[in-house]
């Protein structure tokens, strides 16, 4: 993450685990009440864009309700590619 921008984890996590599975660095800890992002974040925003509950936001974000998902790439494909590393 950068000094200017960082990901904020709010309340309302449904424990679907997509954020942890989509993180290419395995940098999201789900052992607490809500997901915790570690220090090895690539700022790929996979957790932000694919969270079903929108608990992840970026500080200074203009429209936190808008999330982009490439219609040609499935979440399962991202997770599968992460497991190939």
C-alpha atoms as a PDB file:
ATOM      1  CA  UNK A   1       0.000   0.000   0.000  1.00  0.00           C
ATOM      2  CA  UNK A   2       1.067   3.567  -0.346  1.00  0.00           C
ATOM      3  CA  UNK A   3       1.357   6.338   2.215  1.00  0.00           C
ATOM      4  CA  UNK A   4      -1.408   8.258   0.443  1.00  0.00           C
ATOM      5  CA  UNK A   5      -3.895   5.427  -0.049  1.00  0.00           C
ATOM      6  CA  UNK A   6      -4.723   2.441   2.094  1.00  0.00           C
ATOM      7  CA  UNK A   7      -7.480  -0.130   2.338  1.00  0.00           C
ATOM      8  CA  UNK A   8      -9.891   0.223   5.234  1.00  0.00           C
ATOM      9  CA  UNK A   9     -11.746  -2.836   6.518  1.00  0.00           C
ATOM     10  CA  UNK A  10     -15.214  -2.067   7.831  1.00  0.00           C
ATOM     11  CA  UNK A  11     -17.853  -4.130   9.574  1.00  0.00           C
ATOM     12  CA  UNK A  12     -20.321  -6.551   8.019  1.00  0.00           C
ATOM     13  CA  UNK A  13     -18.060  -9.362   6.838  1.00  0.00           C
ATOM     14  CA  UNK A  14     -20.057 -12.514   6.046  1.00  0.00           C
ATOM     15  CA  UNK A  15     -16.903 -14.680   6.286  1.00  0.00           C
ATOM     16  CA  UNK A  16     -17.182 -15.842   2.665  1.00  0.00           C
ATOM     17  CA  UNK A  17     -13.347 -15.956   2.539  1.00  0.00           C
ATOM     18  CA  UNK A  18     -13.164 -14.667  -1.042  1.00  0.00           C
ATOM     19  CA  UNK A  19     -10.818 -11.859  -0.003  1.00  0.00           C
ATOM     20  CA  UNK A  20      -8.307 -14.285   1.473  1.00  0.00           C
ATOM     21  CA  UNK A  21      -8.566 -16.665  -1.465  1.00  0.00           C
ATOM     22  CA  UNK A  22      -8.231 -13.914  -4.087  1.00  0.00           C
ATOM     23  CA  UNK A  23      -5.203 -12.250  -2.455  1.00  0.00           C
ATOM     24  CA  UNK A  24      -2.136 -13.250  -4.517  1.00  0.00           C
ATOM     25  CA  UNK A  25       0.144 -12.778  -1.497  1.00  0.00           C
ATOM     26  CA  UNK A  26      -2.003 -14.643   1.056  1.00  0.00           C
ATOM     27  CA  UNK A  27      -1.913 -11.396   3.017  1.00  0.00           C
ATOM     28  CA  UNK A  28      -5.401 -11.415   4.549  1.00  0.00           C
ATOM     29  CA  UNK A  29      -5.918 -12.913   8.000  1.00  0.00           C
ATOM     30  CA  UNK A  30      -9.434 -14.091   8.870  1.00  0.00           C
ATOM     31  CA  UNK A  31      -8.816 -15.200  12.442  1.00  0.00           C
ATOM     32  CA  UNK A  32     -10.334 -12.082  14.027  1.00  0.00           C
ATOM     33  CA  UNK A  33     -13.767 -10.457  13.948  1.00  0.00           C
ATOM     34  CA  UNK A  34     -13.106  -9.018  10.515  1.00  0.00           C
ATOM     35  CA  UNK A  35     -10.455  -9.487   7.830  1.00  0.00           C
ATOM     36  CA  UNK A  36      -7.055  -7.989   8.595  1.00  0.00           C
ATOM     37  CA  UNK A  37      -4.679  -6.950   5.827  1.00  0.00           C
ATOM     38  CA  UNK A  38      -1.026  -7.615   6.551  1.00  0.00           C
ATOM     39  CA  UNK A  39       2.061  -5.658   5.547  1.00  0.00           C
ATOM     40  CA  UNK A  40       2.682  -7.516   2.275  1.00  0.00           C
ATOM     41  CA  UNK A  41      -0.141  -5.906   0.244  1.00  0.00           C
ATOM     42  CA  UNK A  42       0.413  -5.440  -3.505  1.00  0.00           C
ATOM     43  CA  UNK A  43      -2.554  -3.041  -3.681  1.00  0.00           C
ATOM     44  CA  UNK A  44      -4.060  -5.165  -6.452  1.00  0.00           C
ATOM     45  CA  UNK A  45      -7.513  -4.328  -5.017  1.00  0.00           C
ATOM     46  CA  UNK A  46      -8.821  -7.848  -5.579  1.00  0.00           C
ATOM     47  CA  UNK A  47     -10.272  -7.872  -2.052  1.00  0.00           C
ATOM     48  CA  UNK A  48     -11.865  -4.460  -2.597  1.00  0.00           C
ATOM     49  CA  UNK A  49     -13.433  -5.225  -5.955  1.00  0.00           C
ATOM     50  CA  UNK A  50     -14.659  -8.747  -5.209  1.00  0.00           C
ATOM     51  CA  UNK A  51     -16.012  -8.402  -1.657  1.00  0.00           C
ATOM     52  CA  UNK A  52     -19.702  -9.335  -1.707  1.00  0.00           C
ATOM     53  CA  UNK A  53     -20.415  -7.202   1.376  1.00  0.00           C
ATOM     54  CA  UNK A  54     -18.264  -4.189   0.349  1.00  0.00           C
ATOM     55  CA  UNK A  55     -16.473  -4.158   3.711  1.00  0.00           C
ATOM     56  CA  UNK A  56     -13.245  -3.013   2.025  1.00  0.00           C
ATOM     57  CA  UNK A  57     -12.888   0.623   1.024  1.00  0.00           C
ATOM     58  CA  UNK A  58     -10.006   2.869   0.076  1.00  0.00           C
ATOM     59  CA  UNK A  59      -9.474   6.089   1.988  1.00  0.00           C
ATOM     60  CA  UNK A  60     -10.355   9.189  -0.055  1.00  0.00           C
ATOM     61  CA  UNK A  61     -12.369   7.006  -2.436  1.00  0.00           C
ATOM     62  CA  UNK A  62     -14.879   9.056  -4.422  1.00  0.00           C
ATOM     63  CA  UNK A  63     -17.512   6.361  -5.000  1.00  0.00           C
ATOM     64  CA  UNK A  64     -17.116   3.318  -2.773  1.00  0.00           C
ATOM     65  CA  UNK A  65     -20.272   1.732  -4.185  1.00  0.00           C
ATOM     66  CA  UNK A  66     -18.685   1.260  -7.618  1.00  0.00           C
ATOM     67  CA  UNK A  67     -16.666  -1.900  -8.036  1.00  0.00           C
ATOM     68  CA  UNK A  68     -15.182  -3.128 -11.284  1.00  0.00           C
ATOM     69  CA  UNK A  69     -15.078  -6.773 -12.238  1.00  0.00           C
ATOM     70  CA  UNK A  70     -13.809  -7.752 -15.653  1.00  0.00           C
ATOM     71  CA  UNK A  71     -16.706  -9.679 -17.183  1.00  0.00           C
ATOM     72  CA  UNK A  72     -14.244 -11.949 -18.996  1.00  0.00           C
ATOM     73  CA  UNK A  73     -12.467 -13.129 -15.838  1.00  0.00           C
ATOM     74  CA  UNK A  74     -14.165 -15.188 -13.131  1.00  0.00           C
ATOM     75  CA  UNK A  75     -13.220 -15.004  -9.459  1.00  0.00           C
ATOM     76  CA  UNK A  76     -12.596 -18.752  -9.572  1.00  0.00           C
ATOM     77  CA  UNK A  77      -9.995 -18.203 -12.322  1.00  0.00           C
ATOM     78  CA  UNK A  78      -8.144 -15.635 -10.187  1.00  0.00           C
ATOM     79  CA  UNK A  79      -8.169 -17.973  -7.196  1.00  0.00           C
ATOM     80  CA  UNK A  80      -6.969 -20.871  -9.346  1.00  0.00           C
ATOM     81  CA  UNK A  81      -4.094 -18.801 -10.758  1.00  0.00           C
ATOM     82  CA  UNK A  82      -3.054 -17.783  -7.224  1.00  0.00           C
ATOM     83  CA  UNK A  83      -2.814 -21.445  -6.232  1.00  0.00           C
ATOM     84  CA  UNK A  84      -0.479 -22.154  -9.158  1.00  0.00           C
ATOM     85  CA  UNK A  85       2.297 -19.965  -7.756  1.00  0.00           C
END
